[in-house]
N, C-alpha and C. Protein backbone atom coordinates (compact mmCIF):
# COMPACT_ATOMS: atom_id res chain seq x y z
N UNK A 1 5.96 22.28 -23.99
CA UNK A 1 6.89 22.09 -22.89
C UNK A 1 6.12 22.25 -21.57
N UNK A 2 6.73 22.76 -20.55
CA UNK A 2 6.07 22.97 -19.27
C UNK A 2 5.76 21.67 -18.56
N UNK A 3 4.67 21.67 -17.80
CA UNK A 3 4.31 20.51 -17.00
C UNK A 3 4.04 19.28 -17.86
N UNK A 4 3.62 19.48 -19.11
CA UNK A 4 3.33 18.35 -19.99
C UNK A 4 4.58 17.55 -20.32
N UNK A 5 5.75 18.14 -20.14
CA UNK A 5 7.01 17.44 -20.39
C UNK A 5 7.41 16.54 -19.23
N UNK A 6 6.76 16.69 -18.09
CA UNK A 6 7.09 15.86 -16.94
C UNK A 6 6.52 14.46 -17.14
N UNK A 7 7.38 13.47 -17.07
CA UNK A 7 6.94 12.08 -17.22
C UNK A 7 5.86 11.73 -16.20
N UNK A 8 6.01 12.20 -14.98
CA UNK A 8 5.03 11.88 -13.93
C UNK A 8 3.67 12.48 -14.26
N UNK A 9 3.64 13.66 -14.84
CA UNK A 9 2.37 14.26 -15.24
C UNK A 9 1.74 13.41 -16.34
N UNK A 10 2.52 13.05 -17.34
CA UNK A 10 2.00 12.25 -18.45
C UNK A 10 1.40 10.94 -17.95
N UNK A 11 2.10 10.30 -17.04
CA UNK A 11 1.63 9.03 -16.49
C UNK A 11 0.35 9.23 -15.67
N UNK A 12 0.32 10.28 -14.84
CA UNK A 12 -0.85 10.55 -14.01
C UNK A 12 -2.06 10.90 -14.88
N UNK A 13 -1.85 11.66 -15.93
CA UNK A 13 -2.94 12.02 -16.84
C UNK A 13 -3.50 10.76 -17.51
N UNK A 14 -2.61 9.95 -18.04
CA UNK A 14 -3.02 8.70 -18.70
C UNK A 14 -3.82 7.82 -17.74
N UNK A 15 -3.36 7.73 -16.50
CA UNK A 15 -4.06 6.88 -15.54
C UNK A 15 -5.40 7.48 -15.12
N UNK A 16 -5.51 8.80 -15.08
CA UNK A 16 -6.81 9.38 -14.74
C UNK A 16 -7.84 9.03 -15.81
N UNK A 17 -7.40 8.97 -17.07
CA UNK A 17 -8.30 8.54 -18.15
C UNK A 17 -8.68 7.08 -17.98
N UNK A 18 -7.71 6.25 -17.63
CA UNK A 18 -7.98 4.82 -17.41
C UNK A 18 -8.96 4.62 -16.26
N UNK A 19 -8.75 5.34 -15.17
CA UNK A 19 -9.66 5.23 -14.02
C UNK A 19 -11.06 5.67 -14.43
N UNK A 20 -11.16 6.72 -15.21
CA UNK A 20 -12.47 7.17 -15.68
C UNK A 20 -13.16 6.06 -16.47
N UNK A 21 -12.41 5.44 -17.37
CA UNK A 21 -12.99 4.37 -18.19
C UNK A 21 -13.43 3.18 -17.33
N UNK A 22 -12.58 2.75 -16.43
CA UNK A 22 -12.89 1.55 -15.65
C UNK A 22 -14.06 1.79 -14.70
N UNK A 23 -14.20 2.99 -14.16
CA UNK A 23 -15.31 3.25 -13.24
C UNK A 23 -16.65 3.30 -13.95
N UNK A 24 -16.62 3.46 -15.26
CA UNK A 24 -17.88 3.42 -16.02
C UNK A 24 -18.49 2.03 -16.05
N UNK A 25 -17.70 1.02 -15.66
CA UNK A 25 -18.20 -0.36 -15.60
C UNK A 25 -18.73 -0.72 -14.22
N UNK A 26 -18.59 0.18 -13.25
CA UNK A 26 -19.10 -0.08 -11.90
C UNK A 26 -20.63 -0.16 -11.95
N UNK A 27 -21.24 -0.82 -10.96
CA UNK A 27 -22.71 -0.79 -10.88
C UNK A 27 -23.20 0.66 -10.87
N UNK A 28 -24.38 0.88 -11.40
CA UNK A 28 -24.91 2.24 -11.57
C UNK A 28 -24.80 3.09 -10.31
N UNK A 29 -25.22 2.56 -9.16
CA UNK A 29 -25.17 3.36 -7.93
C UNK A 29 -23.75 3.68 -7.52
N UNK A 30 -22.80 2.81 -7.84
CA UNK A 30 -21.40 3.06 -7.46
C UNK A 30 -20.70 4.01 -8.42
N UNK A 31 -21.21 4.16 -9.64
CA UNK A 31 -20.61 5.14 -10.56
C UNK A 31 -20.71 6.53 -9.97
N UNK A 32 -21.76 6.76 -9.19
CA UNK A 32 -21.98 8.09 -8.61
C UNK A 32 -21.42 8.21 -7.21
N UNK A 33 -21.09 7.12 -6.57
CA UNK A 33 -20.54 7.16 -5.22
C UNK A 33 -19.04 6.90 -5.28
N UNK A 34 -18.66 5.64 -5.18
CA UNK A 34 -17.25 5.26 -5.18
C UNK A 34 -16.57 5.67 -6.49
N UNK A 35 -17.26 5.49 -7.60
CA UNK A 35 -16.68 5.86 -8.89
C UNK A 35 -16.33 7.33 -8.97
N UNK A 36 -17.23 8.16 -8.51
CA UNK A 36 -16.98 9.60 -8.51
C UNK A 36 -15.79 9.95 -7.63
N UNK A 37 -15.71 9.33 -6.48
CA UNK A 37 -14.62 9.63 -5.55
C UNK A 37 -13.27 9.21 -6.13
N UNK A 38 -13.20 8.04 -6.71
CA UNK A 38 -11.93 7.58 -7.27
C UNK A 38 -11.54 8.42 -8.49
N UNK A 39 -12.53 8.83 -9.28
CA UNK A 39 -12.21 9.71 -10.43
C UNK A 39 -11.65 11.04 -9.96
N UNK A 40 -12.25 11.63 -8.94
CA UNK A 40 -11.76 12.92 -8.42
C UNK A 40 -10.34 12.78 -7.87
N UNK A 41 -10.08 11.69 -7.15
CA UNK A 41 -8.74 11.49 -6.59
C UNK A 41 -7.72 11.32 -7.72
N UNK A 42 -8.05 10.53 -8.73
CA UNK A 42 -7.13 10.29 -9.85
C UNK A 42 -6.85 11.58 -10.62
N UNK A 43 -7.88 12.35 -10.90
CA UNK A 43 -7.71 13.62 -11.61
C UNK A 43 -6.88 14.59 -10.77
N UNK A 44 -7.06 14.56 -9.47
CA UNK A 44 -6.35 15.46 -8.57
C UNK A 44 -4.84 15.28 -8.65
N UNK A 45 -4.38 14.07 -8.91
CA UNK A 45 -2.93 13.84 -9.02
C UNK A 45 -2.37 14.69 -10.16
N UNK A 46 -2.95 14.53 -11.35
CA UNK A 46 -2.46 15.29 -12.52
C UNK A 46 -2.66 16.79 -12.34
N UNK A 47 -3.82 17.18 -11.81
CA UNK A 47 -4.10 18.61 -11.64
C UNK A 47 -3.11 19.28 -10.69
N UNK A 48 -2.77 18.63 -9.60
CA UNK A 48 -1.85 19.23 -8.63
C UNK A 48 -0.43 19.30 -9.16
N UNK A 49 -0.04 18.33 -9.97
CA UNK A 49 1.28 18.42 -10.60
C UNK A 49 1.31 19.63 -11.54
N UNK A 50 0.28 19.78 -12.35
CA UNK A 50 0.22 20.89 -13.31
C UNK A 50 0.16 22.24 -12.58
N UNK A 51 -0.71 22.34 -11.58
CA UNK A 51 -0.84 23.62 -10.86
C UNK A 51 0.44 23.96 -10.11
N UNK A 52 1.04 22.96 -9.49
CA UNK A 52 2.29 23.19 -8.78
C UNK A 52 3.40 23.63 -9.71
N UNK A 53 3.46 23.02 -10.88
CA UNK A 53 4.48 23.41 -11.86
C UNK A 53 4.32 24.87 -12.26
N UNK A 54 3.08 25.30 -12.35
CA UNK A 54 2.83 26.69 -12.69
C UNK A 54 3.29 27.66 -11.61
N UNK A 55 3.49 27.15 -10.41
CA UNK A 55 3.94 27.99 -9.29
C UNK A 55 5.35 27.62 -8.83
N UNK A 56 6.09 26.99 -9.70
CA UNK A 56 7.41 26.45 -9.33
C UNK A 56 8.41 27.53 -8.95
N UNK A 57 8.14 28.79 -9.32
CA UNK A 57 9.04 29.87 -8.93
C UNK A 57 9.07 30.04 -7.41
N UNK A 58 7.98 29.67 -6.76
CA UNK A 58 7.93 29.68 -5.30
C UNK A 58 8.10 28.23 -4.84
N UNK A 59 9.32 27.88 -4.49
CA UNK A 59 9.68 26.49 -4.17
C UNK A 59 8.71 25.86 -3.17
N UNK A 60 8.33 26.59 -2.14
CA UNK A 60 7.43 26.04 -1.11
C UNK A 60 6.07 25.71 -1.70
N UNK A 61 5.60 26.51 -2.63
CA UNK A 61 4.29 26.24 -3.24
C UNK A 61 4.34 24.99 -4.10
N UNK A 62 5.40 24.84 -4.90
CA UNK A 62 5.54 23.64 -5.73
C UNK A 62 5.58 22.41 -4.83
N UNK A 63 6.34 22.49 -3.75
CA UNK A 63 6.42 21.38 -2.79
C UNK A 63 5.04 21.06 -2.22
N UNK A 64 4.26 22.09 -1.90
CA UNK A 64 2.91 21.90 -1.36
C UNK A 64 2.03 21.14 -2.36
N UNK A 65 2.05 21.55 -3.61
CA UNK A 65 1.21 20.89 -4.61
C UNK A 65 1.67 19.47 -4.88
N UNK A 66 2.98 19.23 -4.83
CA UNK A 66 3.46 17.86 -5.00
C UNK A 66 3.06 16.99 -3.81
N UNK A 67 3.07 17.54 -2.60
CA UNK A 67 2.58 16.79 -1.42
C UNK A 67 1.11 16.44 -1.59
N UNK A 68 0.34 17.39 -2.08
CA UNK A 68 -1.09 17.15 -2.31
C UNK A 68 -1.28 16.09 -3.38
N UNK A 69 -0.49 16.14 -4.44
CA UNK A 69 -0.56 15.13 -5.51
C UNK A 69 -0.23 13.75 -4.96
N UNK A 70 0.77 13.68 -4.09
CA UNK A 70 1.14 12.41 -3.48
C UNK A 70 0.01 11.89 -2.59
N UNK A 71 -0.63 12.78 -1.85
CA UNK A 71 -1.77 12.38 -1.02
C UNK A 71 -2.91 11.86 -1.87
N UNK A 72 -3.19 12.51 -3.00
CA UNK A 72 -4.24 12.05 -3.91
C UNK A 72 -3.87 10.71 -4.54
N UNK A 73 -2.60 10.52 -4.80
CA UNK A 73 -2.12 9.25 -5.34
C UNK A 73 -2.38 8.13 -4.33
N UNK A 74 -2.06 8.37 -3.07
CA UNK A 74 -2.31 7.38 -2.03
C UNK A 74 -3.81 7.12 -1.86
N UNK A 75 -4.61 8.18 -1.94
CA UNK A 75 -6.06 8.03 -1.86
C UNK A 75 -6.57 7.15 -3.00
N UNK A 76 -6.05 7.37 -4.20
CA UNK A 76 -6.44 6.58 -5.35
C UNK A 76 -6.09 5.11 -5.13
N UNK A 77 -4.92 4.85 -4.57
CA UNK A 77 -4.52 3.47 -4.29
C UNK A 77 -5.50 2.78 -3.34
N UNK A 78 -5.92 3.47 -2.30
CA UNK A 78 -6.88 2.89 -1.36
C UNK A 78 -8.21 2.62 -2.06
N UNK A 79 -8.65 3.55 -2.87
CA UNK A 79 -9.93 3.39 -3.57
C UNK A 79 -9.87 2.27 -4.61
N UNK A 80 -8.73 2.09 -5.23
CA UNK A 80 -8.55 0.97 -6.17
C UNK A 80 -8.67 -0.35 -5.42
N UNK A 81 -8.02 -0.42 -4.26
CA UNK A 81 -8.09 -1.64 -3.47
C UNK A 81 -9.53 -1.91 -3.00
N UNK A 82 -10.20 -0.86 -2.56
CA UNK A 82 -11.58 -1.00 -2.12
C UNK A 82 -12.46 -1.49 -3.27
N UNK A 83 -12.24 -0.94 -4.47
CA UNK A 83 -13.02 -1.35 -5.64
C UNK A 83 -12.79 -2.83 -5.96
N UNK A 84 -11.56 -3.28 -5.81
CA UNK A 84 -11.26 -4.70 -6.04
C UNK A 84 -11.96 -5.55 -4.99
N UNK A 85 -11.86 -5.15 -3.74
CA UNK A 85 -12.46 -5.94 -2.65
C UNK A 85 -13.98 -5.99 -2.74
N UNK A 86 -14.58 -4.99 -3.34
CA UNK A 86 -16.03 -4.98 -3.54
C UNK A 86 -16.45 -5.74 -4.81
N UNK A 87 -15.46 -6.20 -5.57
CA UNK A 87 -15.74 -6.98 -6.76
C UNK A 87 -15.96 -6.17 -8.01
N UNK A 88 -15.60 -4.88 -7.99
CA UNK A 88 -15.80 -4.01 -9.16
C UNK A 88 -14.61 -4.02 -10.10
N UNK A 89 -13.47 -4.47 -9.63
CA UNK A 89 -12.27 -4.58 -10.45
C UNK A 89 -11.79 -6.03 -10.42
N UNK A 90 -11.31 -6.50 -11.55
CA UNK A 90 -10.70 -7.82 -11.58
C UNK A 90 -9.33 -7.74 -10.91
N UNK A 91 -8.77 -8.87 -10.60
CA UNK A 91 -7.42 -8.90 -10.02
C UNK A 91 -6.43 -8.26 -10.99
N UNK A 92 -6.61 -8.52 -12.27
CA UNK A 92 -5.71 -7.96 -13.29
C UNK A 92 -5.83 -6.43 -13.34
N UNK A 93 -7.05 -5.91 -13.33
CA UNK A 93 -7.24 -4.46 -13.31
C UNK A 93 -6.64 -3.85 -12.05
N UNK A 94 -6.89 -4.50 -10.92
CA UNK A 94 -6.35 -4.02 -9.65
C UNK A 94 -4.82 -3.98 -9.71
N UNK A 95 -4.22 -5.08 -10.15
CA UNK A 95 -2.75 -5.15 -10.19
C UNK A 95 -2.16 -4.08 -11.09
N UNK A 96 -2.70 -3.94 -12.29
CA UNK A 96 -2.17 -2.94 -13.22
C UNK A 96 -2.33 -1.52 -12.72
N UNK A 97 -3.52 -1.20 -12.22
CA UNK A 97 -3.76 0.17 -11.74
C UNK A 97 -2.97 0.48 -10.48
N UNK A 98 -2.92 -0.45 -9.56
CA UNK A 98 -2.18 -0.17 -8.32
C UNK A 98 -0.69 -0.09 -8.59
N UNK A 99 -0.19 -0.89 -9.53
CA UNK A 99 1.23 -0.81 -9.88
C UNK A 99 1.55 0.55 -10.48
N UNK A 100 0.69 1.04 -11.37
CA UNK A 100 0.92 2.34 -11.99
C UNK A 100 0.90 3.46 -10.95
N UNK A 101 -0.06 3.43 -10.03
CA UNK A 101 -0.13 4.49 -9.02
C UNK A 101 1.01 4.39 -8.01
N UNK A 102 1.54 3.20 -7.79
CA UNK A 102 2.72 3.07 -6.95
C UNK A 102 3.92 3.74 -7.63
N UNK A 103 4.05 3.52 -8.93
CA UNK A 103 5.14 4.16 -9.69
C UNK A 103 4.96 5.68 -9.68
N UNK A 104 3.74 6.14 -9.92
CA UNK A 104 3.47 7.58 -9.92
C UNK A 104 3.84 8.19 -8.57
N UNK A 105 3.47 7.53 -7.49
CA UNK A 105 3.82 8.01 -6.15
C UNK A 105 5.32 8.14 -5.97
N UNK A 106 6.07 7.15 -6.43
CA UNK A 106 7.53 7.20 -6.34
C UNK A 106 8.09 8.34 -7.19
N UNK A 107 7.51 8.54 -8.37
CA UNK A 107 7.98 9.63 -9.23
C UNK A 107 7.70 11.00 -8.60
N UNK A 108 6.54 11.15 -8.00
CA UNK A 108 6.22 12.41 -7.32
C UNK A 108 7.22 12.64 -6.19
N UNK A 109 7.47 11.60 -5.42
CA UNK A 109 8.42 11.72 -4.31
C UNK A 109 9.80 12.13 -4.83
N UNK A 110 10.27 11.48 -5.90
CA UNK A 110 11.59 11.81 -6.46
C UNK A 110 11.61 13.24 -7.01
N UNK A 111 10.51 13.67 -7.62
CA UNK A 111 10.43 15.04 -8.13
C UNK A 111 10.52 16.03 -6.97
N UNK A 112 9.82 15.74 -5.88
CA UNK A 112 9.89 16.62 -4.70
C UNK A 112 11.32 16.69 -4.18
N UNK A 113 11.98 15.54 -4.10
CA UNK A 113 13.36 15.51 -3.61
C UNK A 113 14.29 16.28 -4.55
N UNK A 114 14.13 16.07 -5.85
CA UNK A 114 14.98 16.77 -6.83
C UNK A 114 14.77 18.27 -6.73
N UNK A 115 13.51 18.68 -6.60
CA UNK A 115 13.22 20.12 -6.51
C UNK A 115 13.76 20.70 -5.22
N UNK A 116 13.69 19.95 -4.14
CA UNK A 116 14.20 20.41 -2.85
C UNK A 116 15.71 20.60 -2.90
N UNK A 117 16.37 19.78 -3.72
CA UNK A 117 17.83 19.86 -3.85
C UNK A 117 18.26 20.75 -5.01
N UNK A 118 17.32 21.53 -5.56
CA UNK A 118 17.59 22.48 -6.65
C UNK A 118 18.06 21.80 -7.92
N UNK A 119 17.69 20.55 -8.11
CA UNK A 119 18.03 19.87 -9.36
C UNK A 119 16.90 20.12 -10.36
N UNK A 120 17.25 20.05 -11.59
CA UNK A 120 16.26 20.23 -12.66
C UNK A 120 15.32 19.03 -12.66
N UNK A 121 14.01 19.25 -12.72
CA UNK A 121 13.07 18.12 -12.79
C UNK A 121 13.31 17.25 -14.00
N UNK A 122 13.04 15.98 -13.86
CA UNK A 122 13.19 15.03 -14.95
C UNK A 122 12.05 15.21 -15.94
N UNK A 123 12.41 15.41 -17.22
CA UNK A 123 11.39 15.55 -18.27
C UNK A 123 11.70 14.57 -19.38
N UNK A 124 10.82 14.51 -20.34
CA UNK A 124 11.03 13.66 -21.51
C UNK A 124 11.62 14.45 -22.67
N UNK A 125 12.30 15.55 -22.40
CA UNK A 125 12.89 16.38 -23.47
C UNK A 125 13.95 15.61 -24.22
């Protein structure tokens, strides 16, 4: 149970693995530059959701971590676009990844709103 039951966490975790895989196809020098940055941003989304959930008893702290997760989600979107524009991602990879991170961003936003209104977070229970 816990944070792993949150659909948004599951989606963010899955996408961080996908981003890790796709950046392994970047040119060697970019695996350590742009690739590293996009991997850190993608992992940060899932990590902040998990860490925030662990501090959910303090509403302001959970909100803080969800804001940080949303910021990392937006950062990942920019880096995905940059990777496409540099020719490291196909249009199909770009479309799929950016669509997923757009959904994740909306889910984080809705979770923040639900938590702010004292509603139970949406889980896959």
